[in-house]
């Protein structure tokens, strides 16, 4: 259990899925927070719209990451999160922090997304904190 918690609370590497240069988006805030806090590990921004962000190589998708990060932080629209959890699991990422909103609090459609998210996490062995 300790290793699982270490991936959440002491990750050595992080994939930031939904990283962006748009200052009004949470993906930018999380990236800047990681950098300004002096995170010492590898940061892998993931967004198909960019080649690089904040001086870091950006990857088009989780499958293209050069290594398996300890933690995925997901800051994308809720509708694509279940599929991203599946991608994380296939890559071997076992811990994900989902900051995306639009699940249980968003009515029946959000509840369905939440069920799908949980099912993908269970099937692919990804432990979750979140959503929200």
C-alpha atoms as a PDB file:
ATOM      1  CA  UNK A   1       0.000   0.000   0.000  1.00  0.00           C
ATOM      2  CA  UNK A   2       2.881   2.379   0.776  1.00  0.00           C
ATOM      3  CA  UNK A   3       4.104   2.344  -2.834  1.00  0.00           C
ATOM      4  CA  UNK A   4       0.611   3.206  -4.099  1.00  0.00           C
ATOM      5  CA  UNK A   5       0.431   6.173  -1.764  1.00  0.00           C
ATOM      6  CA  UNK A   6       3.968   7.203  -2.727  1.00  0.00           C
ATOM      7  CA  UNK A   7       2.801   7.483  -6.352  1.00  0.00           C
ATOM      8  CA  UNK A   8       0.174   9.992  -5.224  1.00  0.00           C
ATOM      9  CA  UNK A   9       2.099  11.890  -2.573  1.00  0.00           C
ATOM     10  CA  UNK A  10       5.756  11.476  -3.617  1.00  0.00           C
ATOM     11  CA  UNK A  11       5.728  10.856  -7.362  1.00  0.00           C
ATOM     12  CA  UNK A  12       9.055  10.778  -9.140  1.00  0.00           C
ATOM     13  CA  UNK A  13       7.396  11.540 -12.476  1.00  0.00           C
ATOM     14  CA  UNK A  14       4.079  13.044 -13.550  1.00  0.00           C
ATOM     15  CA  UNK A  15       2.090  13.040 -16.780  1.00  0.00           C
ATOM     16  CA  UNK A  16      -0.057  16.172 -16.940  1.00  0.00           C
ATOM     17  CA  UNK A  17      -2.853  15.244 -19.332  1.00  0.00           C
ATOM     18  CA  UNK A  18      -4.540  18.376 -20.596  1.00  0.00           C
ATOM     19  CA  UNK A  19      -1.531  20.656 -20.140  1.00  0.00           C
ATOM     20  CA  UNK A  20      -1.920  23.915 -22.036  1.00  0.00           C
ATOM     21  CA  UNK A  21      -0.440  27.361 -22.539  1.00  0.00           C
ATOM     22  CA  UNK A  22      -3.858  29.009 -22.058  1.00  0.00           C
ATOM     23  CA  UNK A  23      -3.583  30.954 -18.812  1.00  0.00           C
ATOM     24  CA  UNK A  24      -7.303  30.661 -17.998  1.00  0.00           C
ATOM     25  CA  UNK A  25      -7.170  26.845 -17.979  1.00  0.00           C
ATOM     26  CA  UNK A  26      -6.376  24.604 -15.024  1.00  0.00           C
ATOM     27  CA  UNK A  27      -3.864  22.674 -17.149  1.00  0.00           C
ATOM     28  CA  UNK A  28      -1.685  25.786 -17.251  1.00  0.00           C
ATOM     29  CA  UNK A  29      -2.086  26.470 -13.532  1.00  0.00           C
ATOM     30  CA  UNK A  30      -1.090  22.913 -12.579  1.00  0.00           C
ATOM     31  CA  UNK A  31       1.929  22.993 -14.901  1.00  0.00           C
ATOM     32  CA  UNK A  32       3.112  26.317 -13.508  1.00  0.00           C
ATOM     33  CA  UNK A  33       2.554  25.121  -9.933  1.00  0.00           C
ATOM     34  CA  UNK A  34       4.659  22.015 -10.530  1.00  0.00           C
ATOM     35  CA  UNK A  35       7.443  24.102 -12.039  1.00  0.00           C
ATOM     36  CA  UNK A  36       7.374  26.939  -9.518  1.00  0.00           C
ATOM     37  CA  UNK A  37       7.218  24.524  -6.560  1.00  0.00           C
ATOM     38  CA  UNK A  38      10.463  22.994  -7.783  1.00  0.00           C
ATOM     39  CA  UNK A  39       9.176  19.504  -8.552  1.00  0.00           C
ATOM     40  CA  UNK A  40      12.399  17.535  -9.078  1.00  0.00           C
ATOM     41  CA  UNK A  41      11.009  14.651 -11.113  1.00  0.00           C
ATOM     42  CA  UNK A  42      10.101  14.348 -14.766  1.00  0.00           C
ATOM     43  CA  UNK A  43       7.035  16.227 -15.984  1.00  0.00           C
ATOM     44  CA  UNK A  44       5.434  14.959 -19.183  1.00  0.00           C
ATOM     45  CA  UNK A  45       2.839  17.409 -20.557  1.00  0.00           C
ATOM     46  CA  UNK A  46       0.259  15.632 -22.732  1.00  0.00           C
ATOM     47  CA  UNK A  47      -1.737  17.543 -25.337  1.00  0.00           C
ATOM     48  CA  UNK A  48      -1.819  16.867 -29.087  1.00  0.00           C
ATOM     49  CA  UNK A  49      -1.986  20.605 -29.837  1.00  0.00           C
ATOM     50  CA  UNK A  50       1.563  21.382 -28.679  1.00  0.00           C
ATOM     51  CA  UNK A  51       5.121  20.268 -29.389  1.00  0.00           C
ATOM     52  CA  UNK A  52       6.390  21.852 -26.173  1.00  0.00           C
ATOM     53  CA  UNK A  53       5.080  23.713 -23.132  1.00  0.00           C
ATOM     54  CA  UNK A  54       7.125  25.750 -20.639  1.00  0.00           C
ATOM     55  CA  UNK A  55      10.303  24.369 -22.183  1.00  0.00           C
ATOM     56  CA  UNK A  56       9.178  20.748 -21.815  1.00  0.00           C
ATOM     57  CA  UNK A  57       8.540  18.351 -24.682  1.00  0.00           C
ATOM     58  CA  UNK A  58       4.794  17.804 -25.017  1.00  0.00           C
ATOM     59  CA  UNK A  59       3.384  14.437 -26.052  1.00  0.00           C
ATOM     60  CA  UNK A  60       0.357  13.893 -28.274  1.00  0.00           C
ATOM     61  CA  UNK A  61      -1.069  11.119 -26.110  1.00  0.00           C
ATOM     62  CA  UNK A  62      -0.273   8.860 -23.173  1.00  0.00           C
ATOM     63  CA  UNK A  63       0.934   6.072 -25.441  1.00  0.00           C
ATOM     64  CA  UNK A  64       3.725   8.301 -26.761  1.00  0.00           C
ATOM     65  CA  UNK A  65       5.255   8.980 -23.331  1.00  0.00           C
ATOM     66  CA  UNK A  66       8.925   7.901 -23.172  1.00  0.00           C
ATOM     67  CA  UNK A  67       8.469   6.333 -19.721  1.00  0.00           C
ATOM     68  CA  UNK A  68       5.724   5.197 -17.373  1.00  0.00           C
ATOM     69  CA  UNK A  69       5.125   8.037 -14.900  1.00  0.00           C
ATOM     70  CA  UNK A  70       4.194   7.388 -11.283  1.00  0.00           C
ATOM     71  CA  UNK A  71       1.165   9.659 -11.492  1.00  0.00           C
ATOM     72  CA  UNK A  72      -1.178  10.995 -14.145  1.00  0.00           C
ATOM     73  CA  UNK A  73      -2.903  14.285 -13.388  1.00  0.00           C
ATOM     74  CA  UNK A  74      -5.932  14.673 -15.649  1.00  0.00           C
ATOM     75  CA  UNK A  75      -7.371  18.126 -16.341  1.00  0.00           C
ATOM     76  CA  UNK A  76      -9.435  17.517 -19.488  1.00  0.00           C
ATOM     77  CA  UNK A  77     -13.163  17.691 -20.187  1.00  0.00           C
ATOM     78  CA  UNK A  78     -14.976  14.934 -18.292  1.00  0.00           C
ATOM     79  CA  UNK A  79     -16.301  13.265 -21.419  1.00  0.00           C
ATOM     80  CA  UNK A  80     -12.833  11.999 -22.414  1.00  0.00           C
ATOM     81  CA  UNK A  81     -11.578  11.032 -18.940  1.00  0.00           C
ATOM     82  CA  UNK A  82     -12.758   7.377 -18.992  1.00  0.00           C
ATOM     83  CA  UNK A  83     -10.858   6.817 -22.243  1.00  0.00           C
ATOM     84  CA  UNK A  84      -7.788   8.503 -20.775  1.00  0.00           C
ATOM     85  CA  UNK A  85      -7.905   6.187 -17.768  1.00  0.00           C
ATOM     86  CA  UNK A  86      -7.925   3.259 -20.187  1.00  0.00           C
ATOM     87  CA  UNK A  87      -4.870   4.747 -21.971  1.00  0.00           C
ATOM     88  CA  UNK A  88      -3.122   5.217 -18.629  1.00  0.00           C
ATOM     89  CA  UNK A  89      -3.797   1.622 -17.643  1.00  0.00           C
ATOM     90  CA  UNK A  90      -2.535   0.309 -20.957  1.00  0.00           C
ATOM     91  CA  UNK A  91       0.651   2.356 -20.507  1.00  0.00           C
ATOM     92  CA  UNK A  92       1.143   0.933 -17.006  1.00  0.00           C
ATOM     93  CA  UNK A  93       0.240   4.060 -15.036  1.00  0.00           C
ATOM     94  CA  UNK A  94      -1.405   2.866 -11.830  1.00  0.00           C
ATOM     95  CA  UNK A  95      -2.269   6.167 -10.101  1.00  0.00           C
ATOM     96  CA  UNK A  96      -4.348   9.054 -11.436  1.00  0.00           C
ATOM     97  CA  UNK A  97      -5.554  12.313  -9.936  1.00  0.00           C
ATOM     98  CA  UNK A  98      -8.649  13.490 -11.822  1.00  0.00           C
ATOM     99  CA  UNK A  99      -9.272  17.219 -11.400  1.00  0.00           C
ATOM    100  CA  UNK A 100     -11.904  17.331 -14.149  1.00  0.00           C
ATOM    101  CA  UNK A 101     -15.454  18.285 -13.218  1.00  0.00           C
ATOM    102  CA  UNK A 102     -18.686  17.159 -14.851  1.00  0.00           C
ATOM    103  CA  UNK A 103     -19.367  13.813 -13.251  1.00  0.00           C
ATOM    104  CA  UNK A 104     -21.879  13.055 -10.486  1.00  0.00           C
ATOM    105  CA  UNK A 105     -22.649  16.746 -10.004  1.00  0.00           C
ATOM    106  CA  UNK A 106     -23.685  17.059 -13.665  1.00  0.00           C
ATOM    107  CA  UNK A 107     -26.858  15.001 -13.600  1.00  0.00           C
ATOM    108  CA  UNK A 108     -27.557  11.675 -15.243  1.00  0.00           C
ATOM    109  CA  UNK A 109     -25.008  12.079 -18.047  1.00  0.00           C
ATOM    110  CA  UNK A 110     -22.313  12.887 -15.489  1.00  0.00           C
ATOM    111  CA  UNK A 111     -23.308   9.918 -13.343  1.00  0.00           C
ATOM    112  CA  UNK A 112     -22.962   7.665 -16.403  1.00  0.00           C
ATOM    113  CA  UNK A 113     -19.491   9.103 -17.063  1.00  0.00           C
ATOM    114  CA  UNK A 114     -18.555   8.465 -13.437  1.00  0.00           C
ATOM    115  CA  UNK A 115     -19.665   4.822 -13.696  1.00  0.00           C
ATOM    116  CA  UNK A 116     -17.636   4.467 -16.901  1.00  0.00           C
ATOM    117  CA  UNK A 117     -14.632   6.095 -15.230  1.00  0.00           C
ATOM    118  CA  UNK A 118     -14.804   3.675 -12.297  1.00  0.00           C
ATOM    119  CA  UNK A 119     -15.224   0.691 -14.624  1.00  0.00           C
ATOM    120  CA  UNK A 120     -12.187   1.672 -16.706  1.00  0.00           C
ATOM    121  CA  UNK A 121     -10.105   2.248 -13.567  1.00  0.00           C
ATOM    122  CA  UNK A 122     -11.057  -1.164 -12.193  1.00  0.00           C
ATOM    123  CA  UNK A 123     -10.482  -2.982 -15.492  1.00  0.00           C
ATOM    124  CA  UNK A 124      -7.062  -1.414 -16.082  1.00  0.00           C
ATOM    125  CA  UNK A 125      -5.839  -1.333 -12.481  1.00  0.00           C
ATOM    126  CA  UNK A 126      -5.671   2.442 -12.071  1.00  0.00           C
ATOM    127  CA  UNK A 127      -6.208   3.840  -8.585  1.00  0.00           C
ATOM    128  CA  UNK A 128      -8.028   7.182  -8.551  1.00  0.00           C
ATOM    129  CA  UNK A 129      -8.265  10.314  -6.510  1.00  0.00           C
ATOM    130  CA  UNK A 130     -11.162  12.351  -7.833  1.00  0.00           C
ATOM    131  CA  UNK A 131     -12.859  13.410  -9.907  1.00  0.00           C
ATOM    132  CA  UNK A 132     -13.110  17.027  -8.838  1.00  0.00           C
END
